Amino acid sequence: MCNLLAASWDGKVRLFDDSDSNEEGLKKYTMNKHTDAVTYIDFRHENQLCASCGDDGHIYVFNYQSFR
């Protein structure tokens, strides 16, 4: 499985499964924690962690396999 993370101006971080190159990618999860634009995301594949920060001044860290 190949995961793709996307940050958005609407305050959401979206996780897509991009393992099938013939498809656009299936949305697996949407994190709705930010109240303003998400300006940066980073992930550590070996730990299955993603960090996001945004214009709302918050940083969120979550496991993109368990969605916690």
PDB file of N, CA and C in Angstrom:
ATOM      1  N   MET A   1       0.842  -1.179   0.000  1.00  0.00           N
ATOM      2  CA  MET A   1       0.000   0.000   0.000  1.00  0.00           C
ATOM      3  C   MET A   1       0.887   1.241   0.000  1.00  0.00           C
ATOM      4  N   CYS A   2       0.521   2.210  -0.796  1.00  0.00           N
ATOM      5  CA  CYS A   2       1.236   3.468  -0.882  1.00  0.00           C
ATOM      6  C   CYS A   2       0.309   4.576  -0.386  1.00  0.00           C
ATOM      7  N   ASN A   3       0.736   5.291   0.625  1.00  0.00           N
ATOM      8  CA  ASN A   3      -0.092   6.352   1.188  1.00  0.00           C
ATOM      9  C   ASN A   3       0.371   7.709   0.697  1.00  0.00           C
ATOM     10  N   LEU A   4      -0.591   8.574   0.483  1.00  0.00           N
ATOM     11  CA  LEU A   4      -0.338   9.934   0.052  1.00  0.00           C
ATOM     12  C   LEU A   4      -1.089  10.851   1.008  1.00  0.00           C
ATOM     13  N   LEU A   5      -0.401  11.841   1.564  1.00  0.00           N
ATOM     14  CA  LEU A   5      -1.026  12.811   2.460  1.00  0.00           C
ATOM     15  C   LEU A   5      -1.192  14.132   1.732  1.00  0.00           C
ATOM     16  N   ALA A   6      -2.308  14.800   1.989  1.00  0.00           N
ATOM     17  CA  ALA A   6      -2.578  16.085   1.351  1.00  0.00           C
ATOM     18  C   ALA A   6      -3.040  17.091   2.395  1.00  0.00           C
ATOM     19  N   ALA A   7      -2.433  18.279   2.393  1.00  0.00           N
ATOM     20  CA  ALA A   7      -2.849  19.378   3.265  1.00  0.00           C
ATOM     21  C   ALA A   7      -3.784  20.282   2.473  1.00  0.00           C
ATOM     22  N   SER A   8      -4.653  20.998   3.194  1.00  0.00           N
ATOM     23  CA  SER A   8      -5.650  21.790   2.489  1.00  0.00           C
ATOM     24  C   SER A   8      -5.929  23.113   3.180  1.00  0.00           C
ATOM     25  N   TRP A   9      -6.405  24.076   2.405  1.00  0.00           N
ATOM     26  CA  TRP A   9      -6.770  25.389   2.926  1.00  0.00           C
ATOM     27  C   TRP A   9      -8.016  25.309   3.811  1.00  0.00           C
ATOM     28  N   ASP A  10      -8.788  24.227   3.692  1.00  0.00           N
ATOM     29  CA  ASP A  10     -10.023  24.104   4.481  1.00  0.00           C
ATOM     30  C   ASP A  10      -9.798  23.498   5.866  1.00  0.00           C
ATOM     31  N   GLY A  11      -8.519  23.332   6.266  1.00  0.00           N
ATOM     32  CA  GLY A  11      -8.202  22.837   7.598  1.00  0.00           C
ATOM     33  C   GLY A  11      -8.168  21.330   7.717  1.00  0.00           C
ATOM     34  N   LYS A  12      -8.206  20.626   6.613  1.00  0.00           N
ATOM     35  CA  LYS A  12      -8.234  19.164   6.651  1.00  0.00           C
ATOM     36  C   LYS A  12      -6.923  18.575   6.132  1.00  0.00           C
ATOM     37  N   VAL A  13      -6.563  17.432   6.721  1.00  0.00           N
ATOM     38  CA  VAL A  13      -5.465  16.613   6.217  1.00  0.00           C
ATOM     39  C   VAL A  13      -6.104  15.334   5.712  1.00  0.00           C
ATOM     40  N   ARG A  14      -5.837  14.991   4.477  1.00  0.00           N
ATOM     41  CA  ARG A  14      -6.454  13.815   3.875  1.00  0.00           C
ATOM     42  C   ARG A  14      -5.393  12.767   3.557  1.00  0.00           C
ATOM     43  N   LEU A  15      -5.767  11.516   3.774  1.00  0.00           N
ATOM     44  CA  LEU A  15      -4.897  10.375   3.495  1.00  0.00           C
ATOM     45  C   LEU A  15      -5.525   9.567   2.366  1.00  0.00           C
ATOM     46  N   PHE A  16      -4.732   9.306   1.327  1.00  0.00           N
ATOM     47  CA  PHE A  16      -5.196   8.549   0.178  1.00  0.00           C
ATOM     48  C   PHE A  16      -4.354   7.296   0.008  1.00  0.00           C
ATOM     49  N   ASP A  17      -4.973   6.231  -0.495  1.00  0.00           N
ATOM     50  CA  ASP A  17      -4.260   5.019  -0.897  1.00  0.00           C
ATOM     51  C   ASP A  17      -4.002   5.160  -2.388  1.00  0.00           C
ATOM     52  N   ASP A  18      -2.753   5.278  -2.752  1.00  0.00           N
ATOM     53  CA  ASP A  18      -2.357   5.540  -4.134  1.00  0.00           C
ATOM     54  C   ASP A  18      -1.622   4.337  -4.726  1.00  0.00           C
ATOM     55  N   SER A  19      -1.946   3.126  -4.250  1.00  0.00           N
ATOM     56  CA  SER A  19      -1.193   1.948  -4.685  1.00  0.00           C
ATOM     57  C   SER A  19      -1.556   1.493  -6.092  1.00  0.00           C
ATOM     58  N   ASP A  20      -2.739   1.831  -6.577  1.00  0.00           N
ATOM     59  CA  ASP A  20      -3.130   1.467  -7.937  1.00  0.00           C
ATOM     60  C   ASP A  20      -2.859   2.662  -8.850  1.00  0.00           C
ATOM     61  N   SER A  21      -1.854   2.548  -9.687  1.00  0.00           N
ATOM     62  CA  SER A  21      -1.450   3.683 -10.515  1.00  0.00           C
ATOM     63  C   SER A  21      -2.492   4.053 -11.572  1.00  0.00           C
ATOM     64  N   ASN A  22      -3.466   3.197 -11.804  1.00  0.00           N
ATOM     65  CA  ASN A  22      -4.520   3.488 -12.776  1.00  0.00           C
ATOM     66  C   ASN A  22      -5.651   4.314 -12.176  1.00  0.00           C
ATOM     67  N   GLU A  23      -5.667   4.449 -10.881  1.00  0.00           N
ATOM     68  CA  GLU A  23      -6.722   5.187 -10.195  1.00  0.00           C
ATOM     69  C   GLU A  23      -6.173   6.500  -9.664  1.00  0.00           C
ATOM     70  N   GLU A  24      -7.067   7.424  -9.364  1.00  0.00           N
ATOM     71  CA  GLU A  24      -6.671   8.720  -8.823  1.00  0.00           C
ATOM     72  C   GLU A  24      -6.217   8.610  -7.373  1.00  0.00           C
ATOM     73  N   GLY A  25      -6.664   7.610  -6.675  1.00  0.00           N
ATOM     74  CA  GLY A  25      -6.356   7.419  -5.266  1.00  0.00           C
ATOM     75  C   GLY A  25      -7.633   7.357  -4.465  1.00  0.00           C
ATOM     76  N   LEU A  26      -7.734   6.388  -3.587  1.00  0.00           N
ATOM     77  CA  LEU A  26      -8.922   6.224  -2.767  1.00  0.00           C
ATOM     78  C   LEU A  26      -8.728   6.927  -1.434  1.00  0.00           C
ATOM     79  N   LYS A  27      -9.656   7.804  -1.074  1.00  0.00           N
ATOM     80  CA  LYS A  27      -9.538   8.507   0.200  1.00  0.00           C
ATOM     81  C   LYS A  27      -9.810   7.526   1.336  1.00  0.00           C
ATOM     82  N   LYS A  28      -8.857   7.443   2.268  1.00  0.00           N
ATOM     83  CA  LYS A  28      -8.979   6.532   3.395  1.00  0.00           C
ATOM     84  C   LYS A  28      -9.413   7.235   4.673  1.00  0.00           C
ATOM     85  N   TYR A  29      -8.975   8.489   4.840  1.00  0.00           N
ATOM     86  CA  TYR A  29      -9.199   9.157   6.123  1.00  0.00           C
ATOM     87  C   TYR A  29      -9.082  10.658   5.928  1.00  0.00           C
ATOM     88  N   THR A  30      -9.876  11.409   6.704  1.00  0.00           N
ATOM     89  CA  THR A  30      -9.778  12.859   6.742  1.00  0.00           C
ATOM     90  C   THR A  30      -9.678  13.296   8.201  1.00  0.00           C
ATOM     91  N   MET A  31      -8.614  14.040   8.531  1.00  0.00           N
ATOM     92  CA  MET A  31      -8.461  14.591   9.876  1.00  0.00           C
ATOM     93  C   MET A  31      -9.023  16.016   9.861  1.00  0.00           C
ATOM     94  N   ASN A  32      -9.977  16.275  10.740  1.00  0.00           N
ATOM     95  CA  ASN A  32     -10.681  17.565  10.776  1.00  0.00           C
ATOM     96  C   ASN A  32     -10.342  18.384  12.013  1.00  0.00           C
ATOM     97  N   LYS A  33      -9.120  18.388  12.451  1.00  0.00           N
ATOM     98  CA  LYS A  33      -8.757  19.065  13.706  1.00  0.00           C
ATOM     99  C   LYS A  33      -8.465  20.553  13.531  1.00  0.00           C
ATOM    100  N   HIS A  34      -7.862  20.944  12.437  1.00  0.00           N
ATOM    101  CA  HIS A  34      -7.474  22.341  12.250  1.00  0.00           C
ATOM    102  C   HIS A  34      -8.690  23.221  11.954  1.00  0.00           C
ATOM    103  N   THR A  35      -8.627  24.451  12.423  1.00  0.00           N
ATOM    104  CA  THR A  35      -9.718  25.406  12.180  1.00  0.00           C
ATOM    105  C   THR A  35      -9.368  26.427  11.105  1.00  0.00           C
ATOM    106  N   ASP A  36      -8.167  26.340  10.566  1.00  0.00           N
ATOM    107  CA  ASP A  36      -7.728  27.238   9.499  1.00  0.00           C
ATOM    108  C   ASP A  36      -6.845  26.431   8.546  1.00  0.00           C
ATOM    109  N   ALA A  37      -6.283  27.051   7.559  1.00  0.00           N
ATOM    110  CA  ALA A  37      -5.497  26.362   6.538  1.00  0.00           C
ATOM    111  C   ALA A  37      -4.358  25.541   7.137  1.00  0.00           C
ATOM    112  N   VAL A  38      -4.154  24.355   6.606  1.00  0.00           N
ATOM    113  CA  VAL A  38      -3.015  23.515   6.970  1.00  0.00           C
ATOM    114  C   VAL A  38      -1.857  23.939   6.071  1.00  0.00           C
ATOM    115  N   THR A  39      -0.772  24.386   6.695  1.00  0.00           N
ATOM    116  CA  THR A  39       0.335  24.952   5.921  1.00  0.00           C
ATOM    117  C   THR A  39       1.519  24.007   5.756  1.00  0.00           C
ATOM    118  N   TYR A  40       1.577  22.941   6.552  1.00  0.00           N
ATOM    119  CA  TYR A  40       2.718  22.033   6.453  1.00  0.00           C
ATOM    120  C   TYR A  40       2.331  20.675   7.008  1.00  0.00           C
ATOM    121  N   ILE A  41       2.759  19.622   6.329  1.00  0.00           N
ATOM    122  CA  ILE A  41       2.629  18.270   6.857  1.00  0.00           C
ATOM    123  C   ILE A  41       3.949  17.551   6.664  1.00  0.00           C
ATOM    124  N   ASP A  42       4.238  16.638   7.569  1.00  0.00           N
ATOM    125  CA  ASP A  42       5.434  15.818   7.475  1.00  0.00           C
ATOM    126  C   ASP A  42       5.072  14.443   8.002  1.00  0.00           C
ATOM    127  N   PHE A  43       5.733  13.415   7.509  1.00  0.00           N
ATOM    128  CA  PHE A  43       5.434  12.082   8.004  1.00  0.00           C
ATOM    129  C   PHE A  43       6.694  11.264   8.134  1.00  0.00           C
ATOM    130  N   ARG A  44       6.620  10.301   9.011  1.00  0.00           N
ATOM    131  CA  ARG A  44       7.704   9.338   9.234  1.00  0.00           C
ATOM    132  C   ARG A  44       7.135   7.962   8.950  1.00  0.00           C
ATOM    133  N   HIS A  45       7.474   7.436   7.776  1.00  0.00           N
ATOM    134  CA  HIS A  45       6.910   6.160   7.352  1.00  0.00           C
ATOM    135  C   HIS A  45       7.247   5.032   8.321  1.00  0.00           C
ATOM    136  N   GLU A  46       8.479   5.020   8.821  1.00  0.00           N
ATOM    137  CA  GLU A  46       8.898   3.923   9.711  1.00  0.00           C
ATOM    138  C   GLU A  46       8.106   3.902  11.019  1.00  0.00           C
ATOM    139  N   ASN A  47       7.591   5.035  11.468  1.00  0.00           N
ATOM    140  CA  ASN A  47       6.782   5.105  12.690  1.00  0.00           C
ATOM    141  C   ASN A  47       5.293   5.264  12.389  1.00  0.00           C
ATOM    142  N   GLN A  48       4.935   5.395  11.128  1.00  0.00           N
ATOM    143  CA  GLN A  48       3.556   5.600  10.684  1.00  0.00           C
ATOM    144  C   GLN A  48       2.931   6.832  11.334  1.00  0.00           C
ATOM    145  N   LEU A  49       3.732   7.899  11.471  1.00  0.00           N
ATOM    146  CA  LEU A  49       3.262   9.128  12.100  1.00  0.00           C
ATOM    147  C   LEU A  49       3.228  10.272  11.105  1.00  0.00           C
ATOM    148  N   CYS A  50       2.258  11.145  11.303  1.00  0.00           N
ATOM    149  CA  CYS A  50       2.134  12.354  10.500  1.00  0.00           C
ATOM    150  C   CYS A  50       1.985  13.534  11.451  1.00  0.00           C
ATOM    151  N   ALA A  51       2.642  14.636  11.145  1.00  0.00           N
ATOM    152  CA  ALA A  51       2.496  15.880  11.905  1.00  0.00           C
ATOM    153  C   ALA A  51       1.978  16.945  10.952  1.00  0.00           C
ATOM    154  N   SER A  52       1.053  17.747  11.440  1.00  0.00           N
ATOM    155  CA  SER A  52       0.534  18.840  10.617  1.00  0.00           C
ATOM    156  C   SER A  52       0.489  20.111  11.453  1.00  0.00           C
ATOM    157  N   CYS A  53       0.706  21.242  10.807  1.00  0.00           N
ATOM    158  CA  CYS A  53       0.568  22.528  11.478  1.00  0.00           C
ATOM    159  C   CYS A  53      -0.180  23.457  10.537  1.00  0.00           C
ATOM    160  N   GLY A  54      -0.786  24.481  11.132  1.00  0.00           N
ATOM    161  CA  GLY A  54      -1.598  25.349  10.305  1.00  0.00           C
ATOM    162  C   GLY A  54      -1.645  26.769  10.801  1.00  0.00           C
ATOM    163  N   ASP A  55      -2.407  27.579  10.074  1.00  0.00           N
ATOM    164  CA  ASP A  55      -2.566  28.983  10.420  1.00  0.00           C
ATOM    165  C   ASP A  55      -3.313  29.183  11.739  1.00  0.00           C
ATOM    166  N   ASP A  56      -3.923  28.127  12.265  1.00  0.00           N
ATOM    167  CA  ASP A  56      -4.601  28.232  13.555  1.00  0.00           C
ATOM    168  C   ASP A  56      -3.624  28.149  14.731  1.00  0.00           C
ATOM    169  N   GLY A  57      -2.334  27.903  14.446  1.00  0.00           N
ATOM    170  CA  GLY A  57      -1.320  27.868  15.494  1.00  0.00           C
ATOM    171  C   GLY A  57      -1.199  26.537  16.212  1.00  0.00           C
ATOM    172  N   HIS A  58      -1.852  25.503  15.731  1.00  0.00           N
ATOM    173  CA  HIS A  58      -1.806  24.192  16.372  1.00  0.00           C
ATOM    174  C   HIS A  58      -0.969  23.214  15.567  1.00  0.00           C
ATOM    175  N   ILE A  59      -0.375  22.265  16.288  1.00  0.00           N
ATOM    176  CA  ILE A  59       0.344  21.150  15.688  1.00  0.00           C
ATOM    177  C   ILE A  59      -0.339  19.873  16.144  1.00  0.00           C
ATOM    178  N   TYR A  60      -0.636  18.995  15.211  1.00  0.00           N
ATOM    179  CA  TYR A  60      -1.261  17.714  15.528  1.00  0.00           C
ATOM    180  C   TYR A  60      -0.379  16.601  15.000  1.00  0.00           C
ATOM    181  N   VAL A  61      -0.252  15.549  15.798  1.00  0.00           N
ATOM    182  CA  VAL A  61       0.491  14.360  15.406  1.00  0.00           C
ATOM    183  C   VAL A  61      -0.472  13.187  15.488  1.00  0.00           C
ATOM    184  N   PHE A  62      -0.523  12.378  14.435  1.00  0.00           N
ATOM    185  CA  PHE A  62      -1.391  11.216  14.478  1.00  0.00           C
ATOM    186  C   PHE A  62      -0.766  10.053  13.731  1.00  0.00           C
ATOM    187  N   ASN A  63      -1.192   8.852  14.098  1.00  0.00           N
ATOM    188  CA  ASN A  63      -0.745   7.638  13.446  1.00  0.00           C
ATOM    189  C   ASN A  63      -1.648   7.414  12.245  1.00  0.00           C
ATOM    190  N   TYR A  64      -1.083   7.387  11.048  1.00  0.00           N
ATOM    191  CA  TYR A  64      -1.920   7.283   9.860  1.00  0.00           C
ATOM    192  C   TYR A  64      -2.330   5.847   9.515  1.00  0.00           C
ATOM    193  N   GLN A  65      -1.976   4.885  10.342  1.00  0.00           N
ATOM    194  CA  GLN A  65      -2.490   3.541  10.189  1.00  0.00           C
ATOM    195  C   GLN A  65      -3.692   3.312  11.112  1.00  0.00           C
ATOM    196  N   SER A  66      -3.604   3.795  12.342  1.00  0.00           N
ATOM    197  CA  SER A  66      -4.702   3.608  13.300  1.00  0.00           C
ATOM    198  C   SER A  66      -5.622   4.811  13.374  1.00  0.00           C
ATOM    199  N   PHE A  67      -5.238   5.920  12.712  1.00  0.00           N
ATOM    200  CA  PHE A  67      -6.019   7.173  12.702  1.00  0.00           C
ATOM    201  C   PHE A  67      -6.208   7.755  14.094  1.00  0.00           C
ATOM    202  N   ARG A  68      -5.244   7.569  14.973  1.00  0.00           N
ATOM    203  CA  ARG A  68      -5.296   8.135  16.336  1.00  0.00           C
ATOM    204  C   ARG A  68      -4.206   9.147  16.493  1.00  0.00           C
TER     205      ARG A  68
END
